[in-house]
Protein backbone atom coordinates (compact mmCIF):
# COMPACT_ATOMS: atom_id res chain seq x y z
CA MET A 1 0.12 -0.03 -0.08
CA GLY A 2 1.57 3.22 -1.18
CA LYS A 3 1.62 6.16 1.00
CA PRO A 4 2.40 9.92 0.60
CA ARG A 5 6.32 10.63 0.54
CA CYS A 6 6.04 13.81 2.44
CA PRO A 7 3.54 15.70 4.39
CA LEU A 8 1.88 19.03 2.77
CA SER A 9 2.13 21.72 5.52
CA GLU A 10 -32.45 21.87 8.41
CA VAL A 11 -33.49 25.70 5.06
CA ASN A 12 -36.52 27.80 5.55
CA GLU A 13 -39.59 27.19 3.84
CA GLY A 14 -39.11 27.59 0.20
CA PRO A 15 -39.00 25.55 -2.91
CA LYS A 16 -39.32 21.87 -2.59
CA SER A 17 -36.20 20.96 -4.25
CA VAL A 18 -32.89 22.66 -5.34
CA PHE A 19 -33.89 21.95 -8.88
CA ASP A 20 -36.75 24.70 -8.39
CA LEU A 21 -34.31 27.49 -7.96
CA THR A 22 -32.35 29.54 -10.56
CA ARG A 23 -28.77 29.16 -10.44
CA LYS A 24 -28.05 32.46 -8.96
CA ASP A 25 -30.67 31.79 -6.38
CA ARG A 26 -28.84 28.47 -5.40
CA MET A 27 -25.57 30.07 -5.35
CA ASP A 28 -26.86 32.84 -3.00
CA MET A 29 -28.46 30.32 -0.96
CA HIS A 30 -25.55 27.89 -0.75
CA LYS A 31 -23.17 30.83 0.14
CA SER A 32 -25.51 32.44 2.84
CA THR A 33 -24.23 32.15 6.51
CA ASP A 34 -27.86 32.60 8.06
CA LEU A 35 -29.94 29.59 6.57
CA PRO A 36 -29.98 26.69 9.12
CA ASP A 37 -29.76 23.37 7.52
CA ASP A 38 -32.78 20.79 8.03
CA ARG A 39 -33.66 17.20 7.27
CA ASP A 40 -36.02 18.03 4.32
CA THR A 41 -32.93 19.90 2.46
CA LEU A 42 -30.75 17.00 3.12
CA ASP A 43 -33.19 14.75 1.45
CA ALA A 44 -33.67 16.86 -1.47
CA VAL A 45 -29.77 17.29 -1.88
CA GLY A 46 -29.18 13.46 -1.39
CA ALA A 47 -31.55 12.86 -4.20
CA THR A 48 -29.33 14.61 -6.53
CA TYR A 49 -26.51 12.19 -6.10
CA ALA A 50 -26.08 9.47 -8.72
CA LYS A 51 -26.55 5.93 -7.21
CA ASN A 52 -23.83 3.38 -7.57
CA ALA A 53 -21.69 5.78 -9.53
CA PRO A 54 -18.40 3.73 -10.60
CA GLN A 55 -16.07 6.69 -9.80
CA ASP A 56 -17.64 7.51 -6.43
CA ARG A 57 -17.09 3.79 -5.53
CA VAL A 58 -13.47 4.07 -6.42
CA ILE A 59 -12.75 7.27 -4.88
CA ARG A 60 -14.26 5.96 -1.64
CA GLU A 61 -12.34 2.95 -1.80
CA LEU A 62 -9.11 4.80 -2.02
CA ILE A 63 -10.18 7.04 0.94
CA ALA A 64 -10.46 3.88 2.88
CA ARG A 65 -7.23 2.66 1.73
CA THR A 66 -5.58 5.90 2.54
CA PHE A 67 -6.99 5.80 6.08
CA GLU A 68 -6.53 2.28 7.11
CA PRO A 69 -2.88 2.64 8.46
CA HIS A 70 -4.25 4.97 11.09
CA LEU A 71 -6.78 2.70 12.39
CA ASN A 72 -6.97 -0.46 14.48
CA THR A 73 -9.72 -2.47 16.02
CA ALA A 74 -9.57 -1.12 19.60
CA MET A 75 -10.89 2.13 18.35
CA ARG A 76 -14.05 3.92 18.88
CA GLY A 77 -15.19 5.47 15.59
CA LEU A 78 -17.74 8.04 14.57
CA GLN A 79 -18.60 8.97 11.16
CA LEU A 80 -20.56 12.15 9.94
CA GLY A 81 -22.50 11.07 7.16
CA PHE A 82 -23.43 7.66 5.30
CA ALA A 83 -24.61 8.45 1.74
CA GLU A 84 -24.21 5.24 0.14
CA GLY A 85 -22.04 3.70 2.54
CA VAL A 86 -19.13 2.54 0.46
CA ASP A 87 -16.45 3.86 2.63
CA THR A 88 -18.46 3.11 5.94
CA ARG A 89 -18.50 -0.78 4.98
CA LEU A 90 -14.63 -0.60 4.49
CA ILE A 91 -14.00 1.52 7.51
CA ALA A 92 -16.18 -0.17 10.21
CA PRO A 93 -14.43 -3.61 10.22
CA LYS A 94 -11.07 -1.67 11.03
CA VAL A 95 -12.65 -0.18 14.26
CA ALA A 96 -14.20 -1.86 17.60
CA ARG A 97 -17.50 0.18 16.87
CA LEU A 98 -18.60 2.75 14.61
CA ASP A 99 -21.38 5.26 15.18
CA VAL A 100 -22.77 6.92 12.09
CA VAL A 101 -24.99 10.21 12.09
CA GLU A 102 -26.81 10.89 8.93
CA GLY A 103 -29.25 13.79 8.55
CA SER A 104 -30.98 12.50 5.44
CA ARG A 105 -33.68 9.86 6.32
CA ALA A 106 -33.19 8.06 2.96
CA PHE A 107 -29.48 7.69 3.56
CA TYR A 108 -30.25 6.72 7.37
CA GLU A 109 -32.62 4.05 6.05
CA ALA A 110 -30.17 2.65 3.74
CA GLY A 111 -27.49 2.52 6.52
CA LEU A 112 -30.00 0.44 8.63
CA ARG A 113 -30.50 -1.87 5.86
CA SER A 114 -26.66 -2.34 5.55
CA GLY A 115 -26.38 -4.99 8.22
CA LEU A 116 -23.01 -3.83 9.41
CA ALA A 117 -22.53 -5.78 12.63
CA ASN A 118 -20.43 -3.11 14.67
CA THR A 119 -22.22 -0.15 13.29
CA VAL A 120 -24.97 1.94 14.89
CA PHE A 121 -26.91 4.46 13.04
CA HIS A 122 -28.31 7.74 14.25
CA HIS A 123 -30.72 10.07 12.46
CA ALA A 124 -29.57 13.63 13.48
CA LEU A 125 -27.99 16.60 12.10
CA PHE A 126 -24.52 17.07 13.06
CA GLU A 127 -24.66 20.19 14.94
CA THR A 128 -27.28 18.71 17.25
CA PHE A 129 -25.66 15.38 17.64
CA LEU A 130 -22.26 16.31 18.70
CA PRO A 131 -22.93 18.72 21.45
CA ALA A 132 -24.90 15.99 23.40
CA LEU A 133 -21.88 13.64 23.50
CA SER A 134 -19.20 13.30 26.26
CA ASP A 135 -15.71 14.85 25.83
CA GLY A 136 -13.37 12.31 24.35
CA ALA A 137 -15.83 9.73 23.56
CA TYR A 138 -14.01 8.67 20.21
CA ASP A 139 -10.94 7.46 18.83
CA ALA A 140 -11.55 8.19 15.30
CA VAL A 141 -13.91 10.77 13.81
CA PHE A 142 -14.66 10.83 9.80
CA VAL A 143 -15.67 13.86 8.29
CA ILE A 144 -15.76 12.56 4.54
CA TYR A 145 -17.06 15.15 1.90
CA VAL A 146 -18.78 17.14 4.91
CA LEU A 147 -17.14 20.34 5.02
CA GLU A 148 -18.10 21.68 1.46
CA HIS A 149 -21.85 21.34 2.53
CA VAL A 150 -22.05 22.98 5.98
CA GLN A 151 -22.57 26.68 6.94
CA ASP A 152 -19.44 26.88 9.34
CA PRO A 153 -16.69 24.38 8.67
CA PRO A 154 -14.37 25.43 11.55
CA GLY A 155 -17.42 25.30 13.79
CA LEU A 156 -18.23 21.72 13.05
CA LEU A 157 -14.63 20.73 13.26
CA GLN A 158 -14.57 22.33 16.82
CA LEU A 159 -17.59 20.19 17.73
CA ALA A 160 -15.84 16.92 16.47
CA ARG A 161 -12.40 18.01 17.91
CA ARG A 162 -14.20 18.01 21.52
CA VAL A 163 -15.22 14.57 21.10
CA LEU A 164 -11.80 13.11 20.18
CA SER A 165 -9.87 11.25 22.67
CA PRO A 166 -6.61 12.89 23.62
CA SER A 167 -4.80 10.40 21.18
CA GLY A 168 -7.61 10.37 18.80
CA ARG A 169 -7.49 11.40 15.05
CA LEU A 170 -9.91 13.29 12.84
CA PHE A 171 -10.14 12.37 9.19
CA ILE A 172 -11.15 14.75 6.65
CA VAL A 173 -11.83 14.69 3.00
CA VAL A 174 -12.97 17.42 0.67
CA PRO A 175 -13.27 18.00 -3.27
CA ASN A 176 -10.27 19.99 -4.60
CA ALA A 177 -10.73 23.19 -6.46
CA ARG A 178 -7.41 22.59 -8.05
CA ALA A 179 -8.21 18.88 -9.48
CA LEU A 180 -6.80 18.67 -13.06
CA SER A 181 -10.20 17.96 -14.26
CA ARG A 182 -11.30 21.63 -13.05
CA GLN A 183 -8.03 23.12 -14.51
CA LEU A 184 -9.08 21.57 -17.61
CA ALA A 185 -12.63 22.86 -17.66
CA LEU A 186 -11.17 26.47 -16.86
CA ARG A 187 -8.86 26.30 -20.00
CA MET A 188 -11.91 24.92 -22.10
CA GLY A 189 -13.76 28.17 -20.84
CA LEU A 190 -16.34 26.00 -18.92
CA LEU A 191 -15.45 27.63 -15.64
CA SER A 192 -14.45 31.39 -15.14
CA SER A 193 -12.60 30.53 -11.77
CA LEU A 194 -11.25 27.17 -10.26
CA TYR A 195 -13.34 28.27 -7.32
CA ASP A 196 -16.77 28.58 -9.01
CA LEU A 197 -19.61 26.47 -8.01
CA THR A 198 -20.53 24.34 -10.78
CA GLU A 199 -24.07 23.08 -11.56
CA ASN A 200 -23.23 19.87 -10.17
CA ASP A 201 -21.78 21.45 -7.12
CA LEU A 202 -24.91 23.51 -6.58
CA ASN A 203 -27.26 20.59 -7.11
CA HIS A 204 -25.31 18.61 -4.62
CA GLY A 205 -25.75 21.45 -1.91
CA HIS A 206 -21.86 22.52 -1.87
CA ARG A 207 -21.30 25.98 -0.48
CA ARG A 208 -17.82 26.04 -1.32
CA VAL A 209 -14.79 24.32 -2.92
CA TYR A 210 -11.59 23.94 -1.19
CA ASP A 211 -7.88 24.14 -1.86
CA ARG A 212 -5.08 22.90 0.34
CA SER A 213 -4.48 26.37 1.86
CA SER A 214 -8.21 27.05 2.60
CA LEU A 215 -8.68 23.49 4.06
CA ALA A 216 -5.54 24.09 6.17
CA ARG A 217 -7.03 27.20 7.25
CA ASP A 218 -10.28 25.86 8.52
CA ILE A 219 -8.40 23.41 10.55
CA GLU A 220 -6.13 25.50 12.18
CA THR A 221 -9.16 27.85 13.20
CA ALA A 222 -10.82 24.73 14.73
CA HIS A 223 -7.56 24.18 16.71
CA LEU A 224 -6.38 21.04 15.39
CA ARG A 225 -3.13 19.95 13.91
CA ILE A 226 -2.30 18.22 10.75
CA VAL A 227 -0.20 15.07 11.04
CA GLU A 228 -0.70 14.07 7.43
CA GLU A 229 -2.30 15.43 4.41
CA GLY A 230 -2.21 14.70 0.62
CA GLY A 231 -4.40 14.16 -2.52
CA ILE A 232 -6.58 11.15 -3.32
CA MET A 233 -6.27 10.07 -7.08
CA LEU A 234 -5.12 12.47 -9.85
CA LYS A 235 -8.44 13.38 -11.39
CA ILE A 236 -8.06 13.59 -15.33
CA LEU A 237 -11.73 14.08 -16.37
CA SER A 238 -15.18 14.95 -14.81
CA ASP A 239 -17.30 12.56 -12.95
CA PHE A 240 -19.46 11.42 -15.61
CA GLN A 241 -16.57 10.95 -17.96
CA LEU A 242 -14.62 8.76 -15.30
CA ASN A 243 -17.88 6.88 -14.78
CA THR A 244 -17.88 6.15 -18.58
CA LEU A 245 -14.24 4.98 -18.60
CA ILE A 246 -14.64 2.72 -15.70
CA GLU A 247 -17.84 1.20 -17.10
CA GLN A 248 -16.43 0.47 -20.35
CA GLY A 249 -13.35 -1.14 -18.75
CA ILE A 250 -10.99 1.56 -20.35
CA LEU A 251 -9.98 2.66 -16.93
CA GLY A 252 -9.12 -0.59 -15.09
CA SER A 253 -7.56 -1.22 -11.64
CA GLY A 254 -4.07 -0.70 -12.72
CA GLN A 255 -4.66 2.77 -14.09
CA ILE A 256 -6.77 3.67 -11.04
CA ASP A 257 -3.87 2.41 -8.84
CA GLY A 258 -1.46 4.48 -10.98
CA LEU A 259 -3.47 7.81 -10.74
CA TYR A 260 -3.61 7.20 -7.00
CA ARG A 261 0.10 6.87 -6.69
CA LEU A 262 0.51 9.76 -8.99
CA GLY A 263 -1.75 11.85 -6.20
CA PHE A 264 1.23 11.20 -3.90
CA ASP A 265 3.55 13.64 -6.24
CA TYR A 266 0.83 15.91 -7.31
CA PRO A 267 -1.73 16.37 -4.46
CA ASP A 268 -2.95 19.88 -6.16
CA LEU A 269 -4.16 17.87 -9.05
CA CYS A 270 -6.11 15.18 -7.33
CA GLY A 271 -9.91 15.19 -7.24
CA SER A 272 -9.94 15.11 -3.21
CA LEU A 273 -7.80 16.39 -0.36
CA TYR A 274 -7.58 14.63 2.70
CA ALA A 275 -6.11 15.49 6.22
CA VAL A 276 -5.27 13.63 9.22
CA CYS A 277 -5.58 15.67 12.41
CA GLU A 278 -4.94 15.51 16.03
CA VAL A 279 -5.90 17.70 19.06
């Protein structure tokens, strides 16, 4: 298994679906800081995700592969979000117990049906679930594709930090603004800035897109220390194009492994950024 060679320093009443909003309205909504998140909105956003997408399965398998060296079966784990549970199924056997908090009822119910023996599912918003927990309750907290959705990422990270044991670790993954696929879209005139929220971002309820500096800044603001960071899989094309290549067998396991390893050298070109943090 390869490892990076070095460290890198419930909304208010309105439209029933994000699709009922204009693009500008969606951008204004997702950038707003005074709109609370609710479960109805999470259900609407969750419905926008393609089910069983090959590239999503691949990247989540690589996330679990990246975090596995930090895990052991004595750990108490907490994961914020379940979605389709690809990474959850891979992480759960690596820890003693995994609590999963999911705000979307559809995803929560999918978790209940997953049959994971050592996993307990909770239907709640992160911002209400975390404050009710005891200090130091967990040895591993997973925040995978969460920060780009929430209003106050440092605030959420501070809530997660409090429930970490003194030797615990917090695992973060976010989409990368500087991914090669986005840089290609910029040169093609499809984006005016690498930091634009695309139609896909807006549909999925993203409020921001991170680069390494902005991710590190939010982590530092939450008084966490990064012990390892990097990129996960050099991303050459968009999601739907990668889905096609994988489905047609053009992008096989060898190429995927190569793109994963290239990410060690070129984290800024990867589709996702990760950080492993301590208190």
